[in-house]
Structure formats: C-alpha cells, structure tokens
C-alpha cells in the first residue's frame, strides 16, 4: 500500500511537471501579467486626459488667435476618450491601432498647442499654466514608462506562446493569440509645424 501511494505521488508529480512544461500554467500567468500592466497604461492615459481641460481653460482665457490649434486639442481629446478597448482587444490589431492612433493624435495636438503658447508670454508666465504643463509632462513620462513595461510583458507572453513546449498548451488548450505592441509614432517624432504668421505678421520669429 505504501509503495502504491508513493507511485501515485510520483506519477502526479510527473504529470504536474508535464503540464507546466506545456504552458498550462505559464501561458495564462504571463497573459494576466500583461493585461494587468495594460490597466496601468490606461490609468496613465486617463491621468493626462483629466488634466487637459484645465490647461485648455487657461489658454482660452488668454484669448489666443490660433483658435484652430486649441480646438484641435479639444477634438483630439474627445476622440481619444471615446475610443476604449478591453483586454480582449489587445490581440486585435485593428482595434488596438484605432486606440493608439487616437492617443497619438492627442499627443501631436498637445505638441502643437505647446509650440503656439510659447509665443504668448502672458500665458507662459502664469503659475497655473506652468504647473499644468509640468503635470502633463509628468503624465506623458508616466505613459511612456507604462507602455514600455506593457511591451516587455506582452513580448514575454508572445514569446511563451510561440516557444515549444509551451506552444502546445497555448494553442491546444488556451487558444492563445499574440498581444499587440505599442510602436513609436513616426509623426510624433517630427517637430510640430505651426503657422505663426498670425503672430509675426508674416516675418520669421526670432530664435
């Protein structure tokens, strides 16, 4: 009886190791880690979004002439907040791209606004404006940090589901699909181009 019990225990241990080797446990563990990190990305994006209305209010109060630039920020924020994806959509390239495109457009609009207001000392000298820009810069840095962490965990998960023997459990049992990555937005790398003729009267601003 004692031998039988030991044999059963040994077989159970072998079975457990076999299951672990096939990604039964590691695949969902890594997937959940990536999805949890996605929550941090969303939190960072929301933090930036929450600060923008206050910044817009400060700039509106200064009555700058570039109303289209300011409206661009308002519209871009509206689009960015209107597009939401769930963790189930992280494997959907089309939905993920819609989300990231909207966020990138907001980033670009904010960059254009910043370029404009730098030419309005009455705005940039305000303590309220300075504090808001610092807060938004911090939010942008946090967004970048959380995106990098998400990419690392998504890459870890994607590697796991494609690597033997974990790929067996990933495909047969979990039906796992690769998660999408954040990619650098080429348009965001370029310096914002803003027509400053309304301020300079057609002349080139002094550098």
Protein backbone atom coordinates (compact mmCIF):
# COMPACT_ATOMS: atom_id res chain seq x y z
CA UNK A 1 0.00 0.00 0.00
CA UNK A 2 2.81 2.35 0.89
CA UNK A 3 4.53 1.63 -2.44
CA UNK A 4 1.29 2.28 -4.34
CA UNK A 5 0.83 5.61 -2.59
CA UNK A 6 4.39 6.61 -3.41
CA UNK A 7 3.91 5.57 -7.02
CA UNK A 8 0.77 7.64 -7.32
CA UNK A 9 2.54 10.61 -5.83
CA UNK A 10 5.41 10.23 -8.26
CA UNK A 11 3.03 9.96 -11.20
CA UNK A 12 1.17 13.05 -10.02
CA UNK A 13 4.43 14.96 -9.78
CA UNK A 14 5.45 13.89 -13.28
CA UNK A 15 2.03 14.86 -14.61
CA UNK A 16 2.28 18.27 -12.95
CA UNK A 17 5.70 18.87 -14.43
CA UNK A 18 4.47 17.79 -17.86
CA UNK A 19 1.54 20.20 -17.67
CA UNK A 20 3.82 23.02 -16.56
CA UNK A 21 6.22 22.24 -19.40
CA UNK A 22 3.36 22.53 -21.90
CA UNK A 23 2.48 26.01 -20.75
CA UNK A 24 -0.71 25.05 -18.94
CA UNK A 25 0.16 27.39 -16.09
CA UNK A 26 2.81 29.71 -17.53
CA UNK A 27 0.77 30.91 -20.51
CA UNK A 28 -2.21 32.30 -18.56
CA UNK A 29 0.13 33.64 -15.87
CA UNK A 30 2.10 35.69 -18.37
CA UNK A 31 -1.08 36.77 -20.15
CA UNK A 32 -2.62 38.05 -16.94
CA UNK A 33 0.58 39.92 -16.09
CA UNK A 34 0.44 41.75 -19.43
CA UNK A 35 -3.26 42.51 -19.03
CA UNK A 36 -2.70 43.85 -15.53
CA UNK A 37 0.01 46.15 -16.87
CA UNK A 38 -2.43 47.37 -19.51
CA UNK A 39 -4.50 48.71 -16.64
CA UNK A 40 -1.52 50.86 -15.64
CA UNK A 41 -1.27 52.18 -19.19
CA UNK A 42 -4.94 53.16 -19.15
CA UNK A 43 -4.53 54.82 -15.77
CA UNK A 44 -1.62 56.93 -17.02
CA UNK A 45 -3.54 57.94 -20.15
CA UNK A 46 -6.55 58.90 -18.05
CA UNK A 47 -4.38 60.99 -15.77
CA UNK A 48 -3.18 63.06 -18.72
CA UNK A 49 -6.68 63.35 -20.14
CA UNK A 50 -8.02 64.64 -16.82
CA UNK A 51 -5.50 67.49 -16.79
CA UNK A 52 -6.11 68.75 -20.33
CA UNK A 53 -9.45 70.55 -19.72
CA UNK A 54 -7.81 72.76 -17.08
CA UNK A 55 -4.99 73.59 -19.48
CA UNK A 56 -7.48 74.40 -22.23
CA UNK A 57 -9.36 76.70 -19.87
CA UNK A 58 -6.19 78.64 -19.04
CA UNK A 59 -5.31 79.07 -22.73
CA UNK A 60 -8.88 80.01 -23.66
CA UNK A 61 -8.85 82.73 -21.02
CA UNK A 62 -5.84 84.28 -22.74
CA UNK A 63 -7.82 84.57 -26.00
CA UNK A 64 -5.02 83.46 -28.31
CA UNK A 65 -5.58 83.95 -32.03
CA UNK A 66 -4.89 80.32 -33.01
CA UNK A 67 -8.35 79.04 -32.17
CA UNK A 68 -7.95 76.13 -34.59
CA UNK A 69 -4.96 74.82 -32.63
CA UNK A 70 -6.87 74.96 -29.37
CA UNK A 71 -9.92 73.35 -30.95
CA UNK A 72 -7.64 70.64 -32.31
CA UNK A 73 -6.67 69.70 -28.75
CA UNK A 74 -10.29 69.66 -27.65
CA UNK A 75 -11.33 67.47 -30.58
CA UNK A 76 -8.34 65.13 -30.23
CA UNK A 77 -9.07 64.62 -26.53
CA UNK A 78 -12.71 63.85 -27.33
CA UNK A 79 -11.68 61.22 -29.89
CA UNK A 80 -9.09 59.70 -27.58
CA UNK A 81 -11.53 59.35 -24.68
CA UNK A 82 -14.26 57.97 -26.96
CA UNK A 83 -12.17 55.01 -28.14
CA UNK A 84 -11.78 52.37 -25.47
CA UNK A 85 -10.54 48.83 -25.76
CA UNK A 86 -10.82 45.93 -23.37
CA UNK A 87 -8.07 43.48 -22.53
CA UNK A 88 -9.71 41.09 -25.00
CA UNK A 89 -8.96 43.62 -27.75
CA UNK A 90 -5.23 43.57 -27.04
CA UNK A 91 -4.96 40.74 -29.58
CA UNK A 92 -7.00 42.64 -32.19
CA UNK A 93 -4.66 44.65 -34.48
CA UNK A 94 -7.42 46.85 -35.90
CA UNK A 95 -8.92 47.86 -32.55
CA UNK A 96 -5.51 48.36 -30.99
CA UNK A 97 -4.45 50.61 -33.88
CA UNK A 98 -7.61 52.73 -33.58
CA UNK A 99 -6.85 53.26 -29.91
CA UNK A 100 -3.17 54.08 -30.34
CA UNK A 101 -3.83 56.35 -33.35
CA UNK A 102 -6.31 58.40 -31.31
CA UNK A 103 -3.84 58.75 -28.43
CA UNK A 104 -1.02 59.70 -30.81
CA UNK A 105 -3.21 62.38 -32.40
CA UNK A 106 -3.84 63.84 -28.96
CA UNK A 107 -0.10 63.87 -28.25
CA UNK A 108 0.55 65.68 -31.53
CA UNK A 109 -2.21 68.22 -30.86
CA UNK A 110 -0.74 68.94 -27.44
CA UNK A 111 2.67 69.45 -29.04
CA UNK A 112 1.24 71.98 -31.48
CA UNK A 113 -0.52 73.84 -28.69
CA UNK A 114 2.68 74.00 -26.69
CA UNK A 115 4.55 75.44 -29.67
CA UNK A 116 1.92 78.16 -30.05
CA UNK A 117 1.62 79.22 -26.42
CA UNK A 118 5.39 79.59 -26.09
CA UNK A 119 4.91 82.74 -28.16
CA UNK A 120 2.47 84.17 -25.62
CA UNK A 121 4.42 85.37 -22.56
CA UNK A 122 1.19 86.34 -20.84
CA UNK A 123 0.24 82.66 -20.79
CA UNK A 124 3.58 81.01 -20.13
CA UNK A 125 4.32 83.36 -17.25
CA UNK A 126 1.22 82.24 -15.38
CA UNK A 127 1.98 79.96 -12.44
CA UNK A 128 -1.20 78.00 -13.13
CA UNK A 129 -0.13 77.30 -16.71
CA UNK A 130 3.38 76.32 -15.65
CA UNK A 131 2.06 73.90 -13.04
CA UNK A 132 -0.34 72.31 -15.53
CA UNK A 133 2.38 71.84 -18.16
CA UNK A 134 4.66 70.25 -15.57
CA UNK A 135 1.84 67.91 -14.54
CA UNK A 136 1.13 66.97 -18.16
CA UNK A 137 4.84 66.40 -18.85
CA UNK A 138 4.95 64.09 -15.84
CA UNK A 139 1.85 62.29 -17.12
CA UNK A 140 3.47 61.86 -20.54
CA UNK A 141 6.59 60.41 -18.93
CA UNK A 142 4.45 58.02 -16.92
CA UNK A 143 2.59 56.97 -20.06
CA UNK A 144 5.89 56.18 -21.79
CA UNK A 145 7.08 54.20 -18.77
CA UNK A 146 3.90 52.13 -18.53
CA UNK A 147 3.89 51.49 -22.28
CA UNK A 148 7.44 50.16 -22.16
CA UNK A 149 6.53 47.89 -19.24
CA UNK A 150 3.47 46.65 -21.10
CA UNK A 151 5.53 45.94 -24.23
CA UNK A 152 8.02 43.95 -22.15
CA UNK A 153 5.29 41.79 -20.60
CA UNK A 154 3.46 41.40 -23.90
CA UNK A 155 6.71 40.31 -25.55
CA UNK A 156 7.33 37.83 -22.73
CA UNK A 157 3.84 36.37 -23.22
CA UNK A 158 4.12 36.29 -27.03
CA UNK A 159 7.45 34.50 -26.80
CA UNK A 160 5.97 31.98 -24.38
CA UNK A 161 3.05 31.03 -26.64
CA UNK A 162 5.34 30.62 -29.64
CA UNK A 163 8.04 28.59 -27.91
CA UNK A 164 7.95 24.78 -27.61
CA UNK A 165 6.71 23.12 -25.47
CA UNK A 166 4.54 25.96 -24.10
CA UNK A 167 3.12 26.47 -27.58
CA UNK A 168 1.31 23.13 -27.20
CA UNK A 169 -0.77 24.27 -24.26
CA UNK A 170 -1.12 27.76 -25.72
CA UNK A 171 -2.66 26.54 -28.95
CA UNK A 172 -4.47 23.37 -27.93
CA UNK A 173 -5.83 24.36 -24.52
CA UNK A 174 -5.81 28.16 -24.27
CA UNK A 175 -6.28 29.15 -27.90
CA UNK A 176 -3.79 31.91 -27.18
CA UNK A 177 -3.38 34.90 -29.52
CA UNK A 178 -0.44 37.26 -29.64
CA UNK A 179 -0.81 40.61 -27.91
CA UNK A 180 -0.21 43.85 -29.81
CA UNK A 181 2.67 46.20 -29.05
CA UNK A 182 2.89 49.95 -28.76
CA UNK A 183 5.05 51.24 -31.58
CA UNK A 184 6.74 54.61 -31.94
CA UNK A 185 4.56 57.01 -33.86
CA UNK A 186 6.60 58.42 -36.74
CA UNK A 187 4.52 61.60 -36.94
CA UNK A 188 5.06 62.28 -33.25
CA UNK A 189 8.85 62.20 -33.74
CA UNK A 190 8.77 65.24 -36.01
CA UNK A 191 8.74 68.75 -34.61
CA UNK A 192 5.22 70.23 -34.77
CA UNK A 193 4.79 72.60 -37.73
CA UNK A 194 2.69 75.60 -36.79
CA UNK A 195 1.91 78.66 -38.90
CA UNK A 196 3.00 81.59 -36.74
CA UNK A 197 2.20 84.30 -39.32
CA UNK A 198 -0.78 85.47 -37.25
CA UNK A 199 1.66 86.48 -34.52
CA UNK A 200 4.67 87.61 -36.54
CA UNK A 201 2.83 89.33 -39.38
CA UNK A 202 4.49 87.03 -41.88
CA UNK A 203 8.00 87.53 -40.53
CA UNK A 204 10.10 84.67 -39.26
CA UNK A 205 10.11 84.56 -35.43
CA UNK A 206 13.46 85.34 -33.84
CA UNK A 207 15.27 82.30 -32.46
